[in-house]
Amino acid sequence: MVEVNIRKGEFGRIVVSFPYDPSVVTKIKAIEGRRWHPVEKHWSFTKLNGMLEKILKVFGDEEIYLDPALKSSTPKAKDTPSPLGGGPG
């Protein structure tokens, strides 16, 4: 399992980053509208048309850290677990 970091980016974009894993790259490439930023080594998406929900759905089986700034804009994202939060174990 890979930790996927989803945060608010510049110009109203959503930024997604994670350690390289071919299976996770395949997942992100399944989402239309993606843009790879080779210098920063992250992907970005527009914040339109329920894009955050689409991203969360694709990465539902991965460990997700979701920027609190994005949680407030998406009701479904409020229940997304964060690896930084205290949980069982």
PDB file of N, CA and C in Angstrom:
ATOM      1  N   MET A   1       0.850  -1.176   0.000  1.00  0.00           N
ATOM      2  CA  MET A   1       0.000   0.000   0.000  1.00  0.00           C
ATOM      3  C   MET A   1       0.895   1.239   0.000  1.00  0.00           C
ATOM      4  N   VAL A   2       0.525   2.225  -0.802  1.00  0.00           N
ATOM      5  CA  VAL A   2       1.295   3.458  -0.963  1.00  0.00           C
ATOM      6  C   VAL A   2       0.532   4.614  -0.326  1.00  0.00           C
ATOM      7  N   GLU A   3       1.257   5.534   0.306  1.00  0.00           N
ATOM      8  CA  GLU A   3       0.604   6.720   0.841  1.00  0.00           C
ATOM      9  C   GLU A   3       0.426   7.737  -0.280  1.00  0.00           C
ATOM     10  N   VAL A   4      -0.813   8.122  -0.514  1.00  0.00           N
ATOM     11  CA  VAL A   4      -1.153   9.094  -1.551  1.00  0.00           C
ATOM     12  C   VAL A   4      -1.478  10.413  -0.850  1.00  0.00           C
ATOM     13  N   ASN A   5      -0.790  11.473  -1.251  1.00  0.00           N
ATOM     14  CA  ASN A   5      -0.976  12.786  -0.657  1.00  0.00           C
ATOM     15  C   ASN A   5      -1.806  13.629  -1.629  1.00  0.00           C
ATOM     16  N   ILE A   6      -2.959  14.095  -1.171  1.00  0.00           N
ATOM     17  CA  ILE A   6      -3.846  14.918  -1.994  1.00  0.00           C
ATOM     18  C   ILE A   6      -3.963  16.274  -1.307  1.00  0.00           C
ATOM     19  N   ARG A   7      -3.550  17.325  -2.023  1.00  0.00           N
ATOM     20  CA  ARG A   7      -3.557  18.646  -1.405  1.00  0.00           C
ATOM     21  C   ARG A   7      -4.022  19.716  -2.394  1.00  0.00           C
ATOM     22  N   LYS A   8      -4.319  20.861  -1.827  1.00  0.00           N
ATOM     23  CA  LYS A   8      -4.725  22.005  -2.631  1.00  0.00           C
ATOM     24  C   LYS A   8      -3.486  22.594  -3.299  1.00  0.00           C
ATOM     25  N   GLY A   9      -3.575  22.823  -4.603  1.00  0.00           N
ATOM     26  CA  GLY A   9      -2.459  23.391  -5.341  1.00  0.00           C
ATOM     27  C   GLY A   9      -2.747  24.811  -5.784  1.00  0.00           C
ATOM     28  N   GLU A  10      -1.848  25.339  -6.582  1.00  0.00           N
ATOM     29  CA  GLU A  10      -2.016  26.689  -7.112  1.00  0.00           C
ATOM     30  C   GLU A  10      -3.090  26.722  -8.188  1.00  0.00           C
ATOM     31  N   PHE A  11      -3.660  27.890  -8.376  1.00  0.00           N
ATOM     32  CA  PHE A  11      -4.631  28.138  -9.448  1.00  0.00           C
ATOM     33  C   PHE A  11      -5.853  27.232  -9.367  1.00  0.00           C
ATOM     34  N   GLY A  12      -6.250  26.868  -8.153  1.00  0.00           N
ATOM     35  CA  GLY A  12      -7.453  26.078  -7.979  1.00  0.00           C
ATOM     36  C   GLY A  12      -7.319  24.631  -8.414  1.00  0.00           C
ATOM     37  N   ARG A  13      -6.112  24.108  -8.438  1.00  0.00           N
ATOM     38  CA  ARG A  13      -5.895  22.727  -8.858  1.00  0.00           C
ATOM     39  C   ARG A  13      -5.735  21.821  -7.641  1.00  0.00           C
ATOM     40  N   ILE A  14      -5.936  20.543  -7.856  1.00  0.00           N
ATOM     41  CA  ILE A  14      -5.715  19.512  -6.851  1.00  0.00           C
ATOM     42  C   ILE A  14      -4.404  18.830  -7.205  1.00  0.00           C
ATOM     43  N   VAL A  15      -3.511  18.710  -6.244  1.00  0.00           N
ATOM     44  CA  VAL A  15      -2.199  18.096  -6.460  1.00  0.00           C
ATOM     45  C   VAL A  15      -2.176  16.726  -5.799  1.00  0.00           C
ATOM     46  N   VAL A  16      -1.702  15.731  -6.541  1.00  0.00           N
ATOM     47  CA  VAL A  16      -1.609  14.361  -6.034  1.00  0.00           C
ATOM     48  C   VAL A  16      -0.156  13.903  -6.171  1.00  0.00           C
ATOM     49  N   SER A  17       0.401  13.406  -5.066  1.00  0.00           N
ATOM     50  CA  SER A  17       1.769  12.893  -5.098  1.00  0.00           C
ATOM     51  C   SER A  17       1.857  11.610  -4.285  1.00  0.00           C
ATOM     52  N   PHE A  18       2.831  10.786  -4.641  1.00  0.00           N
ATOM     53  CA  PHE A  18       3.032   9.506  -3.960  1.00  0.00           C
ATOM     54  C   PHE A  18       4.385   8.955  -4.380  1.00  0.00           C
ATOM     55  N   PRO A  19       4.956   8.060  -3.554  1.00  0.00           N
ATOM     56  CA  PRO A  19       6.198   7.407  -3.974  1.00  0.00           C
ATOM     57  C   PRO A  19       5.928   6.575  -5.226  1.00  0.00           C
ATOM     58  N   TYR A  20       6.897   6.511  -6.112  1.00  0.00           N
ATOM     59  CA  TYR A  20       6.674   5.797  -7.368  1.00  0.00           C
ATOM     60  C   TYR A  20       6.272   4.347  -7.131  1.00  0.00           C
ATOM     61  N   ASP A  21       5.191   3.970  -7.780  1.00  0.00           N
ATOM     62  CA  ASP A  21       4.686   2.596  -7.763  1.00  0.00           C
ATOM     63  C   ASP A  21       3.918   2.426  -9.073  1.00  0.00           C
ATOM     64  N   PRO A  22       4.336   1.480  -9.929  1.00  0.00           N
ATOM     65  CA  PRO A  22       3.684   1.330 -11.240  1.00  0.00           C
ATOM     66  C   PRO A  22       2.172   1.114 -11.158  1.00  0.00           C
ATOM     67  N   SER A  23       1.703   0.395 -10.140  1.00  0.00           N
ATOM     68  CA  SER A  23       0.260   0.149 -10.050  1.00  0.00           C
ATOM     69  C   SER A  23      -0.503   1.429  -9.705  1.00  0.00           C
ATOM     70  N   VAL A  24       0.118   2.308  -8.920  1.00  0.00           N
ATOM     71  CA  VAL A  24      -0.533   3.567  -8.568  1.00  0.00           C
ATOM     72  C   VAL A  24      -0.503   4.519  -9.760  1.00  0.00           C
ATOM     73  N   VAL A  25       0.567   4.491 -10.534  1.00  0.00           N
ATOM     74  CA  VAL A  25       0.630   5.302 -11.753  1.00  0.00           C
ATOM     75  C   VAL A  25      -0.482   4.875 -12.719  1.00  0.00           C
ATOM     76  N   THR A  26      -0.701   3.573 -12.829  1.00  0.00           N
ATOM     77  CA  THR A  26      -1.788   3.073 -13.684  1.00  0.00           C
ATOM     78  C   THR A  26      -3.133   3.607 -13.208  1.00  0.00           C
ATOM     79  N   LYS A  27      -3.337   3.640 -11.888  1.00  0.00           N
ATOM     80  CA  LYS A  27      -4.596   4.158 -11.342  1.00  0.00           C
ATOM     81  C   LYS A  27      -4.779   5.631 -11.695  1.00  0.00           C
ATOM     82  N   ILE A  28      -3.738   6.431 -11.511  1.00  0.00           N
ATOM     83  CA  ILE A  28      -3.894   7.869 -11.756  1.00  0.00           C
ATOM     84  C   ILE A  28      -4.100   8.145 -13.241  1.00  0.00           C
ATOM     85  N   LYS A  29      -3.511   7.313 -14.086  1.00  0.00           N
ATOM     86  CA  LYS A  29      -3.695   7.515 -15.530  1.00  0.00           C
ATOM     87  C   LYS A  29      -5.111   7.168 -15.985  1.00  0.00           C
ATOM     88  N   ALA A  30      -5.878   6.519 -15.136  1.00  0.00           N
ATOM     89  CA  ALA A  30      -7.270   6.197 -15.459  1.00  0.00           C
ATOM     90  C   ALA A  30      -8.190   7.400 -15.245  1.00  0.00           C
ATOM     91  N   ILE A  31      -7.672   8.457 -14.634  1.00  0.00           N
ATOM     92  CA  ILE A  31      -8.467   9.655 -14.356  1.00  0.00           C
ATOM     93  C   ILE A  31      -8.220  10.679 -15.462  1.00  0.00           C
ATOM     94  N   GLU A  32      -9.287  11.062 -16.149  1.00  0.00           N
ATOM     95  CA  GLU A  32      -9.157  12.047 -17.232  1.00  0.00           C
ATOM     96  C   GLU A  32      -8.813  13.418 -16.677  1.00  0.00           C
ATOM     97  N   GLY A  33      -8.069  14.180 -17.451  1.00  0.00           N
ATOM     98  CA  GLY A  33      -7.747  15.546 -17.082  1.00  0.00           C
ATOM     99  C   GLY A  33      -6.489  15.685 -16.249  1.00  0.00           C
ATOM    100  N   ARG A  34      -5.760  14.603 -16.097  1.00  0.00           N
ATOM    101  CA  ARG A  34      -4.547  14.645 -15.278  1.00  0.00           C
ATOM    102  C   ARG A  34      -3.440  15.399 -16.006  1.00  0.00           C
ATOM    103  N   ARG A  35      -2.518  15.949 -15.220  1.00  0.00           N
ATOM    104  CA  ARG A  35      -1.341  16.602 -15.797  1.00  0.00           C
ATOM    105  C   ARG A  35      -0.140  16.239 -14.934  1.00  0.00           C
ATOM    106  N   TRP A  36       0.910  15.725 -15.553  1.00  0.00           N
ATOM    107  CA  TRP A  36       2.146  15.354 -14.855  1.00  0.00           C
ATOM    108  C   TRP A  36       3.083  16.554 -14.831  1.00  0.00           C
ATOM    109  N   HIS A  37       3.681  16.814 -13.676  1.00  0.00           N
ATOM    110  CA  HIS A  37       4.648  17.897 -13.515  1.00  0.00           C
ATOM    111  C   HIS A  37       5.994  17.242 -13.186  1.00  0.00           C
ATOM    112  N   PRO A  38       6.854  17.050 -14.202  1.00  0.00           N
ATOM    113  CA  PRO A  38       8.101  16.292 -13.992  1.00  0.00           C
ATOM    114  C   PRO A  38       9.086  16.936 -13.023  1.00  0.00           C
ATOM    115  N   VAL A  39       9.158  18.245 -12.977  1.00  0.00           N
ATOM    116  CA  VAL A  39      10.103  18.895 -12.070  1.00  0.00           C
ATOM    117  C   VAL A  39       9.658  18.706 -10.619  1.00  0.00           C
ATOM    118  N   GLU A  40       8.374  18.937 -10.362  1.00  0.00           N
ATOM    119  CA  GLU A  40       7.839  18.812  -9.005  1.00  0.00           C
ATOM    120  C   GLU A  40       7.548  17.362  -8.626  1.00  0.00           C
ATOM    121  N   LYS A  41       7.471  16.503  -9.626  1.00  0.00           N
ATOM    122  CA  LYS A  41       7.158  15.076  -9.470  1.00  0.00           C
ATOM    123  C   LYS A  41       5.803  14.854  -8.786  1.00  0.00           C
ATOM    124  N   HIS A  42       4.784  15.534  -9.350  1.00  0.00           N
ATOM    125  CA  HIS A  42       3.419  15.305  -8.888  1.00  0.00           C
ATOM    126  C   HIS A  42       2.452  15.452 -10.060  1.00  0.00           C
ATOM    127  N   TRP A  43       1.237  15.018  -9.821  1.00  0.00           N
ATOM    128  CA  TRP A  43       0.156  15.124 -10.803  1.00  0.00           C
ATOM    129  C   TRP A  43      -0.774  16.227 -10.334  1.00  0.00           C
ATOM    130  N   SER A  44      -1.504  16.856 -11.261  1.00  0.00           N
ATOM    131  CA  SER A  44      -2.508  17.828 -10.856  1.00  0.00           C
ATOM    132  C   SER A  44      -3.766  17.674 -11.706  1.00  0.00           C
ATOM    133  N   PHE A  45      -4.858  18.156 -11.126  1.00  0.00           N
ATOM    134  CA  PHE A  45      -6.183  18.078 -11.738  1.00  0.00           C
ATOM    135  C   PHE A  45      -6.923  19.372 -11.472  1.00  0.00           C
ATOM    136  N   THR A  46      -7.859  19.715 -12.365  1.00  0.00           N
ATOM    137  CA  THR A  46      -8.726  20.857 -12.076  1.00  0.00           C
ATOM    138  C   THR A  46      -9.654  20.446 -10.947  1.00  0.00           C
ATOM    139  N   LYS A  47     -10.195  21.429 -10.275  1.00  0.00           N
ATOM    140  CA  LYS A  47     -11.080  21.153  -9.143  1.00  0.00           C
ATOM    141  C   LYS A  47     -12.551  21.137  -9.582  1.00  0.00           C
ATOM    142  N   LEU A  48     -12.799  20.903 -10.859  1.00  0.00           N
ATOM    143  CA  LEU A  48     -14.144  20.958 -11.410  1.00  0.00           C
ATOM    144  C   LEU A  48     -14.788  19.578 -11.510  1.00  0.00           C
ATOM    145  N   ASN A  49     -16.102  19.560 -11.667  1.00  0.00           N
ATOM    146  CA  ASN A  49     -16.872  18.356 -11.996  1.00  0.00           C
ATOM    147  C   ASN A  49     -16.643  17.181 -11.057  1.00  0.00           C
ATOM    148  N   GLY A  50     -16.578  17.438  -9.761  1.00  0.00           N
ATOM    149  CA  GLY A  50     -16.430  16.350  -8.806  1.00  0.00           C
ATOM    150  C   GLY A  50     -15.097  15.621  -8.903  1.00  0.00           C
ATOM    151  N   MET A  51     -14.077  16.318  -9.327  1.00  0.00           N
ATOM    152  CA  MET A  51     -12.779  15.680  -9.531  1.00  0.00           C
ATOM    153  C   MET A  51     -12.221  15.083  -8.249  1.00  0.00           C
ATOM    154  N   LEU A  52     -12.350  15.763  -7.118  1.00  0.00           N
ATOM    155  CA  LEU A  52     -11.825  15.220  -5.869  1.00  0.00           C
ATOM    156  C   LEU A  52     -12.478  13.883  -5.540  1.00  0.00           C
ATOM    157  N   GLU A  53     -13.777  13.782  -5.747  1.00  0.00           N
ATOM    158  CA  GLU A  53     -14.479  12.530  -5.489  1.00  0.00           C
ATOM    159  C   GLU A  53     -13.963  11.415  -6.403  1.00  0.00           C
ATOM    160  N   LYS A  54     -13.688  11.751  -7.669  1.00  0.00           N
ATOM    161  CA  LYS A  54     -13.149  10.762  -8.608  1.00  0.00           C
ATOM    162  C   LYS A  54     -11.785  10.270  -8.152  1.00  0.00           C
ATOM    163  N   ILE A  55     -10.937  11.198  -7.719  1.00  0.00           N
ATOM    164  CA  ILE A  55      -9.597  10.838  -7.248  1.00  0.00           C
ATOM    165  C   ILE A  55      -9.698   9.932  -6.021  1.00  0.00           C
ATOM    166  N   LEU A  56     -10.541  10.312  -5.069  1.00  0.00           N
ATOM    167  CA  LEU A  56     -10.704   9.509  -3.854  1.00  0.00           C
ATOM    168  C   LEU A  56     -11.220   8.112  -4.171  1.00  0.00           C
ATOM    169  N   LYS A  57     -12.112   8.015  -5.136  1.00  0.00           N
ATOM    170  CA  LYS A  57     -12.653   6.712  -5.514  1.00  0.00           C
ATOM    171  C   LYS A  57     -11.564   5.813  -6.112  1.00  0.00           C
ATOM    172  N   VAL A  58     -10.745   6.363  -6.982  1.00  0.00           N
ATOM    173  CA  VAL A  58      -9.682   5.585  -7.624  1.00  0.00           C
ATOM    174  C   VAL A  58      -8.660   5.096  -6.595  1.00  0.00           C
ATOM    175  N   PHE A  59      -8.370   5.930  -5.598  1.00  0.00           N
ATOM    176  CA  PHE A  59      -7.358   5.574  -4.601  1.00  0.00           C
ATOM    177  C   PHE A  59      -7.961   5.054  -3.306  1.00  0.00           C
ATOM    178  N   GLY A  60      -9.193   4.591  -3.352  1.00  0.00           N
ATOM    179  CA  GLY A  60      -9.889   4.127  -2.155  1.00  0.00           C
ATOM    180  C   GLY A  60      -9.195   3.024  -1.391  1.00  0.00           C
ATOM    181  N   ASP A  61      -8.381   2.206  -2.057  1.00  0.00           N
ATOM    182  CA  ASP A  61      -7.706   1.115  -1.358  1.00  0.00           C
ATOM    183  C   ASP A  61      -6.276   1.475  -0.951  1.00  0.00           C
ATOM    184  N   GLU A  62      -5.881   2.725  -1.148  1.00  0.00           N
ATOM    185  CA  GLU A  62      -4.553   3.184  -0.751  1.00  0.00           C
ATOM    186  C   GLU A  62      -4.670   3.994   0.540  1.00  0.00           C
ATOM    187  N   GLU A  63      -3.556   4.224   1.198  1.00  0.00           N
ATOM    188  CA  GLU A  63      -3.519   5.069   2.382  1.00  0.00           C
ATOM    189  C   GLU A  63      -3.502   6.515   1.892  1.00  0.00           C
ATOM    190  N   ILE A  64      -4.506   7.298   2.294  1.00  0.00           N
ATOM    191  CA  ILE A  64      -4.663   8.650   1.754  1.00  0.00           C
ATOM    192  C   ILE A  64      -4.458   9.696   2.845  1.00  0.00           C
ATOM    193  N   TYR A  65      -3.654  10.701   2.537  1.00  0.00           N
ATOM    194  CA  TYR A  65      -3.601  11.904   3.360  1.00  0.00           C
ATOM    195  C   TYR A  65      -4.300  12.985   2.553  1.00  0.00           C
ATOM    196  N   LEU A  66      -5.362  13.552   3.122  1.00  0.00           N
ATOM    197  CA  LEU A  66      -6.139  14.574   2.430  1.00  0.00           C
ATOM    198  C   LEU A  66      -5.968  15.908   3.135  1.00  0.00           C
ATOM    199  N   ASP A  67      -5.500  16.897   2.403  1.00  0.00           N
ATOM    200  CA  ASP A  67      -5.308  18.252   2.911  1.00  0.00           C
ATOM    201  C   ASP A  67      -6.624  18.749   3.521  1.00  0.00           C
ATOM    202  N   PRO A  68      -6.597  19.217   4.773  1.00  0.00           N
ATOM    203  CA  PRO A  68      -7.827  19.735   5.399  1.00  0.00           C
ATOM    204  C   PRO A  68      -8.501  20.829   4.583  1.00  0.00           C
ATOM    205  N   ALA A  69      -7.748  21.593   3.804  1.00  0.00           N
ATOM    206  CA  ALA A  69      -8.334  22.645   2.968  1.00  0.00           C
ATOM    207  C   ALA A  69      -9.259  22.054   1.909  1.00  0.00           C
ATOM    208  N   LEU A  70      -9.015  20.821   1.495  1.00  0.00           N
ATOM    209  CA  LEU A  70      -9.885  20.169   0.516  1.00  0.00           C
ATOM    210  C   LEU A  70     -11.070  19.492   1.184  1.00  0.00           C
ATOM    211  N   LYS A  71     -10.914  19.033   2.403  1.00  0.00           N
ATOM    212  CA  LYS A  71     -12.003  18.344   3.108  1.00  0.00           C
ATOM    213  C   LYS A  71     -13.218  19.246   3.245  1.00  0.00           C
ATOM    214  N   SER A  72     -13.000  20.513   3.513  1.00  0.00           N
ATOM    215  CA  SER A  72     -14.123  21.423   3.720  1.00  0.00           C
ATOM    216  C   SER A  72     -14.921  21.671   2.446  1.00  0.00           C
ATOM    217  N   SER A  73     -14.311  21.413   1.296  1.00  0.00           N
ATOM    218  CA  SER A  73     -15.007  21.674   0.041  1.00  0.00           C
ATOM    219  C   SER A  73     -15.739  20.456  -0.502  1.00  0.00           C
ATOM    220  N   THR A  74     -15.570  19.298   0.144  1.00  0.00           N
ATOM    221  CA  THR A  74     -16.179  18.072  -0.354  1.00  0.00           C
ATOM    222  C   THR A  74     -16.779  17.276   0.795  1.00  0.00           C
ATOM    223  N   PRO A  75     -18.112  17.178   0.865  1.00  0.00           N
ATOM    224  CA  PRO A  75     -18.736  16.450   1.963  1.00  0.00           C
ATOM    225  C   PRO A  75     -18.248  15.005   2.085  1.00  0.00           C
ATOM    226  N   LYS A  76     -18.074  14.300   0.975  1.00  0.00           N
ATOM    227  CA  LYS A  76     -17.649  12.903   1.030  1.00  0.00           C
ATOM    228  C   LYS A  76     -16.230  12.759   1.560  1.00  0.00           C
ATOM    229  N   ALA A  77     -15.417  13.766   1.365  1.00  0.00           N
ATOM    230  CA  ALA A  77     -14.014  13.689   1.774  1.00  0.00           C
ATOM    231  C   ALA A  77     -13.847  13.803   3.287  1.00  0.00           C
ATOM    232  N   LYS A  78     -14.847  14.291   3.987  1.00  0.00           N
ATOM    233  CA  LYS A  78     -14.732  14.459   5.426  1.00  0.00           C
ATOM    234  C   LYS A  78     -14.520  13.126   6.141  1.00  0.00           C
ATOM    235  N   ASP A  79     -14.984  12.043   5.562  1.00  0.00           N
ATOM    236  CA  ASP A  79     -14.844  10.735   6.186  1.00  0.00           C
ATOM    237  C   ASP A  79     -13.598  10.000   5.733  1.00  0.00           C
ATOM    238  N   THR A  80     -12.769  10.613   4.926  1.00  0.00           N
ATOM    239  CA  THR A  80     -11.566   9.959   4.409  1.00  0.00           C
ATOM    240  C   THR A  80     -10.542   9.846   5.520  1.00  0.00           C
ATOM    241  N   PRO A  81     -10.065   8.632   5.826  1.00  0.00           N
ATOM    242  CA  PRO A  81      -9.092   8.474   6.894  1.00  0.00           C
ATOM    243  C   PRO A  81      -7.764   9.117   6.522  1.00  0.00           C
ATOM    244  N   SER A  82      -7.071   9.593   7.526  1.00  0.00           N
ATOM    245  CA  SER A  82      -5.745  10.171   7.326  1.00  0.00           C
ATOM    246  C   SER A  82      -4.739   9.341   8.081  1.00  0.00           C
ATOM    247  N   PRO A  83      -3.608   9.008   7.473  1.00  0.00           N
ATOM    248  CA  PRO A  83      -2.606   8.227   8.184  1.00  0.00           C
ATOM    249  C   PRO A  83      -1.999   8.991   9.351  1.00  0.00           C
ATOM    250  N   LEU A  84      -2.213  10.306   9.410  1.00  0.00           N
ATOM    251  CA  LEU A  84      -1.674  11.095  10.483  1.00  0.00           C
ATOM    252  C   LEU A  84      -2.579  11.090  11.707  1.00  0.00           C
ATOM    253  N   GLY A  85      -3.829  10.694  11.507  1.00  0.00           N
ATOM    254  CA  GLY A  85      -4.767  10.658  12.608  1.00  0.00           C
ATOM    255  C   GLY A  85      -4.578   9.404  13.453  1.00  0.00           C
ATOM    256  N   GLY A  86      -4.933   9.477  14.714  1.00  0.00           N
ATOM    257  CA  GLY A  86      -4.816   8.302  15.591  1.00  0.00           C
ATOM    258  C   GLY A  86      -5.896   7.302  15.268  1.00  0.00           C
ATOM    259  N   GLY A  87      -5.529   6.091  15.096  1.00  0.00           N
ATOM    260  CA  GLY A  87      -6.489   5.040  14.791  1.00  0.00           C
ATOM    261  C   GLY A  87      -6.137   3.801  15.574  1.00  0.00           C
ATOM    262  N   PRO A  88      -6.890   2.731  15.393  1.00  0.00           N
ATOM    263  CA  PRO A  88      -6.584   1.504  16.104  1.00  0.00           C
ATOM    264  C   PRO A  88      -5.228   0.969  15.703  1.00  0.00           C
ATOM    265  N   GLY A  89      -4.543   0.406  16.608  1.00  0.00           N
ATOM    266  CA  GLY A  89      -3.289  -0.249  16.245  1.00  0.00           C
ATOM    267  C   GLY A  89      -2.206   0.155  17.078  1.00  0.00           C
TER     268      GLY A  89
END
